[in-house]
Amino acid sequence: MAFENFTITPREILVAIAITLTLVGLGFFISETIKNGINESNEKYYKSLKINNDEEMFKYAIKTNVGYVLAQGKVKAVEGVSIEDINGKYFKIKKVKEEYTKHYRQVEHTRTKSDGTTETYYTTEEYWTWDYAGQEEFHTIKFNFLGIDFNYGTINFNNEKYKETKSGGYHIRYQYYVIPFEFEGTLFTYIGNNTINQNNFSINNTIENIIKSKENEVDGWNIGFWMIWIIFIVMIDFGYVYLENNYLEDKAN
């Protein structure tokens, strides 16, 4: 085996310790650089104006172009949309058409012949799947957030949910996805030119949770880095002492 003649000399141990200390020191430098970079990126969240369900403060922030803002509140469709297919009014409705389609595929088989050898042969298999065949979307023209109306699309909301499936006749079905008429969350935005920009809306989240997640992000990156860096140090040390470092012994003679 490769490890039968594996020995570690005292001088190799000393060199490995020196390598470890050097890499640990380098690790602290890299770790601080990473933390500073993340904190700098998240600083706009920490220093942003915090608005918690206060319509007047939000209107004032837009009027005065305050910069970065974390605003928690309710989003509500202005009028909303409805269609005959499903009940209720919604912020958005997506109607996806699917067709039940026949397909064919080649299936590989093997069999044993009379002489004991095996051979491969193929058969054609029929199968059916529901395949996408187009869609329609209906959405509110405007929505209201903390007392101010905005055009649809000013903020991209990611809370579209499956509603139901209905038959559309022979081998046709429709799947419906909706965004509720109203919902809550927290908007991170940059207010300039008397409007919101660089918008990021977090559904059903609070200002406190967002700030906490940004603080935890630093710890998560730091822990992940040190786990990888320690493994790297161990591999470097092991690789070094595993080599035949005869030059150390030559210097001793």
Protein backbone atom coordinates (compact mmCIF):
# COMPACT_ATOMS: atom_id res chain seq x y z
CA MET A 1 0.00 0.00 0.00
CA ALA A 2 1.04 3.59 -0.60
CA PHE A 3 1.04 4.43 3.14
CA GLU A 4 3.22 1.52 4.32
CA ASN A 5 6.46 3.53 4.23
CA PHE A 6 4.85 6.83 5.12
CA THR A 7 6.77 8.59 7.92
CA ILE A 8 6.72 12.13 9.27
CA THR A 9 9.92 13.70 10.48
CA PRO A 10 10.11 16.39 13.19
CA ARG A 11 11.31 18.93 10.63
CA GLU A 12 8.31 18.17 8.40
CA ILE A 13 6.03 18.78 11.38
CA LEU A 14 7.66 22.16 12.01
CA VAL A 15 7.29 23.16 8.36
CA ALA A 16 3.66 21.98 8.35
CA ILE A 17 2.96 24.11 11.43
CA ALA A 18 4.52 27.10 9.69
CA ILE A 19 2.38 26.47 6.60
CA THR A 20 -0.74 26.19 8.79
CA LEU A 21 -0.04 29.43 10.63
CA THR A 22 0.62 31.25 7.36
CA LEU A 23 -2.58 29.97 5.75
CA VAL A 24 -4.65 30.71 8.87
CA GLY A 25 -3.36 34.28 8.81
CA LEU A 26 -4.20 34.53 5.11
CA GLY A 27 -7.62 33.08 5.92
CA PHE A 28 -8.36 35.85 8.42
CA PHE A 29 -7.44 38.43 5.78
CA ILE A 30 -9.71 36.80 3.16
CA SER A 31 -12.52 36.38 5.71
CA GLU A 32 -12.42 40.06 6.65
CA THR A 33 -12.39 41.04 2.97
CA ILE A 34 -15.50 38.91 2.36
CA LYS A 35 -17.30 40.31 5.42
CA ASN A 36 -16.47 43.89 4.47
CA GLY A 37 -17.73 43.29 0.94
CA ILE A 38 -21.04 41.82 2.14
CA ASN A 39 -21.53 44.54 4.74
CA GLU A 40 -20.83 47.20 2.13
CA SER A 41 -23.40 45.60 -0.18
CA ASN A 42 -25.98 45.37 2.62
CA GLU A 43 -25.29 48.86 4.00
CA LYS A 44 -28.12 50.30 1.89
CA TYR A 45 -30.54 48.03 3.77
CA TYR A 46 -29.19 49.02 7.19
CA LYS A 47 -29.26 52.76 6.43
CA SER A 48 -32.54 52.77 4.51
CA LEU A 49 -35.56 54.67 5.79
CA LYS A 50 -37.86 52.17 7.53
CA ILE A 51 -41.59 52.71 6.90
CA ASN A 52 -44.04 50.39 8.63
CA ASN A 53 -47.60 50.72 7.25
CA ASP A 54 -47.37 54.51 7.32
CA GLU A 55 -48.96 55.98 4.18
CA GLU A 56 -48.12 59.57 5.01
CA MET A 57 -44.44 58.80 5.57
CA PHE A 58 -44.28 56.84 2.31
CA LYS A 59 -45.85 59.72 0.38
CA TYR A 60 -43.40 62.14 2.02
CA ALA A 61 -40.47 59.87 1.12
CA ILE A 62 -41.48 59.94 -2.55
CA LYS A 63 -42.06 63.67 -2.49
CA THR A 64 -38.61 64.36 -1.00
CA ASN A 65 -36.59 61.66 -2.85
CA VAL A 66 -35.12 60.16 0.33
CA GLY A 67 -33.13 57.41 -1.39
CA TYR A 68 -33.21 53.81 -0.13
CA VAL A 69 -36.39 52.72 1.66
CA LEU A 70 -37.74 49.57 3.29
CA ALA A 71 -41.51 49.96 3.29
CA GLN A 72 -43.86 47.38 4.78
CA GLY A 73 -47.51 47.44 3.80
CA LYS A 74 -50.43 46.12 1.76
CA VAL A 75 -50.61 45.83 -2.02
CA LYS A 76 -54.11 46.06 -3.49
CA ALA A 77 -55.32 45.88 -7.07
CA VAL A 78 -57.16 48.93 -8.33
CA GLU A 79 -60.42 47.37 -9.60
CA GLY A 80 -58.74 43.99 -10.26
CA VAL A 81 -59.67 41.46 -12.94
CA SER A 82 -62.16 38.61 -13.23
CA ILE A 83 -63.12 36.07 -15.92
CA GLU A 84 -66.11 33.76 -16.31
CA ASP A 85 -64.00 30.61 -15.91
CA ILE A 86 -63.24 31.08 -12.19
CA ASN A 87 -64.85 32.91 -9.31
CA GLY A 88 -63.54 36.08 -7.71
CA LYS A 89 -61.47 39.14 -8.51
CA TYR A 90 -57.71 38.98 -8.65
CA PHE A 91 -54.58 41.07 -9.11
CA LYS A 92 -53.62 38.76 -12.00
CA ILE A 93 -55.01 35.65 -13.71
CA LYS A 94 -53.00 33.37 -15.99
CA LYS A 95 -54.92 30.83 -18.06
CA VAL A 96 -52.69 28.09 -19.47
CA LYS A 97 -54.00 25.81 -22.21
CA GLU A 98 -52.74 22.21 -22.37
CA GLU A 99 -53.43 19.48 -24.93
CA TYR A 100 -53.36 15.75 -24.18
CA THR A 101 -51.00 14.61 -26.93
CA LYS A 102 -49.95 11.17 -28.16
CA HIS A 103 -46.20 10.51 -28.52
CA TYR A 104 -44.05 7.56 -29.58
CA ARG A 105 -40.65 6.43 -28.36
CA GLN A 106 -38.24 3.58 -28.98
CA VAL A 107 -37.74 1.27 -26.01
CA GLU A 108 -34.61 -0.87 -25.78
CA HIS A 109 -34.87 -4.55 -24.72
CA THR A 110 -32.48 -7.50 -24.50
CA ARG A 111 -33.17 -11.19 -24.93
CA THR A 112 -31.21 -14.40 -24.83
CA LYS A 113 -30.91 -16.35 -28.06
CA SER A 114 -30.87 -20.15 -28.38
CA ASP A 115 -27.06 -20.18 -28.59
CA GLY A 116 -26.78 -18.42 -25.20
CA THR A 117 -25.84 -15.00 -26.55
CA THR A 118 -27.92 -11.89 -25.97
CA GLU A 119 -29.22 -9.44 -28.50
CA THR A 120 -30.74 -5.98 -28.30
CA TYR A 121 -34.00 -5.13 -29.99
CA TYR A 122 -36.39 -2.19 -29.94
CA THR A 123 -40.13 -1.76 -29.76
CA THR A 124 -42.24 1.32 -30.34
CA GLU A 125 -44.10 2.50 -27.24
CA GLU A 126 -47.07 4.84 -27.23
CA TYR A 127 -47.51 7.35 -24.41
CA TRP A 128 -49.57 10.48 -23.67
CA THR A 129 -48.66 13.76 -21.99
CA TRP A 130 -50.28 17.10 -21.25
CA ASP A 131 -48.37 19.60 -23.38
CA TYR A 132 -48.31 23.39 -23.23
CA ALA A 133 -50.47 24.96 -25.98
CA GLY A 134 -50.50 28.67 -25.17
CA GLN A 135 -51.75 31.01 -22.47
CA GLU A 136 -53.69 34.17 -21.75
CA GLU A 137 -53.00 36.69 -19.00
CA PHE A 138 -55.32 39.20 -17.37
CA HIS A 139 -54.09 41.72 -14.82
CA THR A 140 -55.01 44.93 -13.07
CA ILE A 141 -53.99 48.11 -14.86
CA LYS A 142 -52.90 49.77 -11.62
CA PHE A 143 -52.23 48.73 -8.04
CA ASN A 144 -52.05 50.63 -4.77
CA PHE A 145 -49.24 50.39 -2.24
CA LEU A 146 -49.32 52.46 0.94
CA GLY A 147 -51.82 54.92 -0.51
CA ILE A 148 -50.13 55.51 -3.88
CA ASP A 149 -51.22 54.06 -7.25
CA PHE A 150 -48.61 52.53 -9.53
CA ASN A 151 -48.82 51.06 -13.02
CA TYR A 152 -48.80 47.27 -13.33
CA GLY A 153 -45.24 46.08 -13.86
CA THR A 154 -43.63 48.77 -11.69
CA ILE A 155 -42.90 45.97 -9.22
CA ASN A 156 -42.49 42.31 -10.18
CA PHE A 157 -44.44 40.18 -7.72
CA ASN A 158 -43.48 36.51 -7.33
CA ASN A 159 -46.58 35.23 -5.50
CA GLU A 160 -48.43 33.63 -8.40
CA LYS A 161 -50.21 30.49 -7.15
CA TYR A 162 -52.03 27.57 -8.79
CA LYS A 163 -55.82 28.02 -8.51
CA GLU A 164 -57.56 25.15 -10.30
CA THR A 165 -57.82 23.03 -13.46
CA LYS A 166 -60.86 22.85 -15.74
CA SER A 167 -61.69 20.70 -18.74
CA GLY A 168 -61.86 22.44 -22.09
CA GLY A 169 -63.35 19.56 -24.05
CA TYR A 170 -61.80 16.57 -25.78
CA HIS A 171 -58.09 16.32 -24.85
CA ILE A 172 -58.02 19.97 -23.75
CA ARG A 173 -57.67 21.41 -20.27
CA TYR A 174 -56.98 24.81 -18.75
CA GLN A 175 -54.86 25.49 -15.68
CA TYR A 176 -55.41 28.72 -13.78
CA TYR A 177 -52.81 30.62 -11.76
CA VAL A 178 -53.61 33.78 -9.82
CA ILE A 179 -52.14 36.57 -7.73
CA PRO A 180 -54.59 37.52 -4.95
CA PHE A 181 -56.54 40.78 -5.13
CA GLU A 182 -54.55 42.04 -2.13
CA PHE A 183 -51.54 40.84 -0.14
CA GLU A 184 -48.86 42.12 2.20
CA GLY A 185 -45.09 42.33 2.18
CA THR A 186 -42.08 44.63 2.28
CA LEU A 187 -40.71 46.70 -0.58
CA PHE A 188 -37.02 47.56 -0.85
CA THR A 189 -36.64 50.45 -3.26
CA TYR A 190 -34.64 53.50 -4.21
CA ILE A 191 -36.76 56.63 -4.33
CA GLY A 192 -35.54 59.18 -6.86
CA ASN A 193 -37.21 61.49 -9.37
CA ASN A 194 -40.33 61.22 -7.19
CA THR A 195 -40.87 57.55 -7.92
CA ILE A 196 -39.70 54.09 -6.84
CA ASN A 197 -36.77 52.36 -8.59
CA GLN A 198 -34.71 49.14 -8.30
CA ASN A 199 -37.74 47.51 -6.71
CA ASN A 200 -37.58 44.24 -4.79
CA PHE A 201 -40.78 43.08 -3.08
CA SER A 202 -40.67 40.37 -0.42
CA ILE A 203 -44.06 38.68 -0.02
CA ASN A 204 -45.41 38.26 3.53
CA ASN A 205 -42.11 39.43 4.99
CA THR A 206 -41.33 42.12 7.55
CA ILE A 207 -38.67 44.80 7.82
CA GLU A 208 -37.24 43.11 10.91
CA ASN A 209 -36.88 39.74 9.16
CA ILE A 210 -35.19 41.28 6.12
CA ILE A 211 -32.62 43.13 8.24
CA LYS A 212 -32.01 39.99 10.30
CA SER A 213 -31.47 37.91 7.15
CA LYS A 214 -28.89 40.42 5.90
CA GLU A 215 -27.04 40.22 9.22
CA ASN A 216 -27.13 36.41 9.13
CA GLU A 217 -25.80 36.48 5.58
CA VAL A 218 -22.41 37.65 6.90
CA ASP A 219 -22.21 34.80 9.42
CA GLY A 220 -23.28 32.24 6.81
CA TRP A 221 -20.59 33.29 4.35
CA ASN A 222 -17.98 33.38 7.12
CA ILE A 223 -18.80 29.87 8.37
CA GLY A 224 -18.85 28.49 4.83
CA PHE A 225 -15.50 30.08 4.00
CA TRP A 226 -13.75 28.71 7.11
CA MET A 227 -15.09 25.19 6.53
CA ILE A 228 -13.63 25.20 3.01
CA TRP A 229 -10.42 26.94 4.09
CA ILE A 230 -9.73 24.45 6.92
CA ILE A 231 -10.19 21.53 4.52
CA PHE A 232 -7.80 23.27 2.12
CA ILE A 233 -5.18 23.73 4.88
CA VAL A 234 -5.44 20.06 5.93
CA MET A 235 -4.98 18.94 2.32
CA ILE A 236 -1.94 21.21 1.86
CA ASP A 237 -0.34 19.99 5.10
CA PHE A 238 -1.01 16.35 4.30
CA GLY A 239 0.24 16.73 0.75
CA TYR A 240 3.43 18.33 2.02
CA VAL A 241 4.33 15.74 4.67
CA TYR A 242 3.41 12.89 2.30
CA LEU A 243 6.12 14.01 -0.12
CA GLU A 244 9.68 12.84 0.33
CA ASN A 245 11.17 16.05 1.65
CA ASN A 246 14.76 14.85 1.54
CA TYR A 247 16.11 18.39 1.31
CA LEU A 248 15.23 18.88 4.99
CA GLU A 249 17.39 15.93 5.98
CA ASP A 250 20.19 17.00 3.63
CA LYS A 251 20.42 20.36 5.41
CA ALA A 252 20.67 18.59 8.73
CA ASN A 253 23.69 16.53 7.67
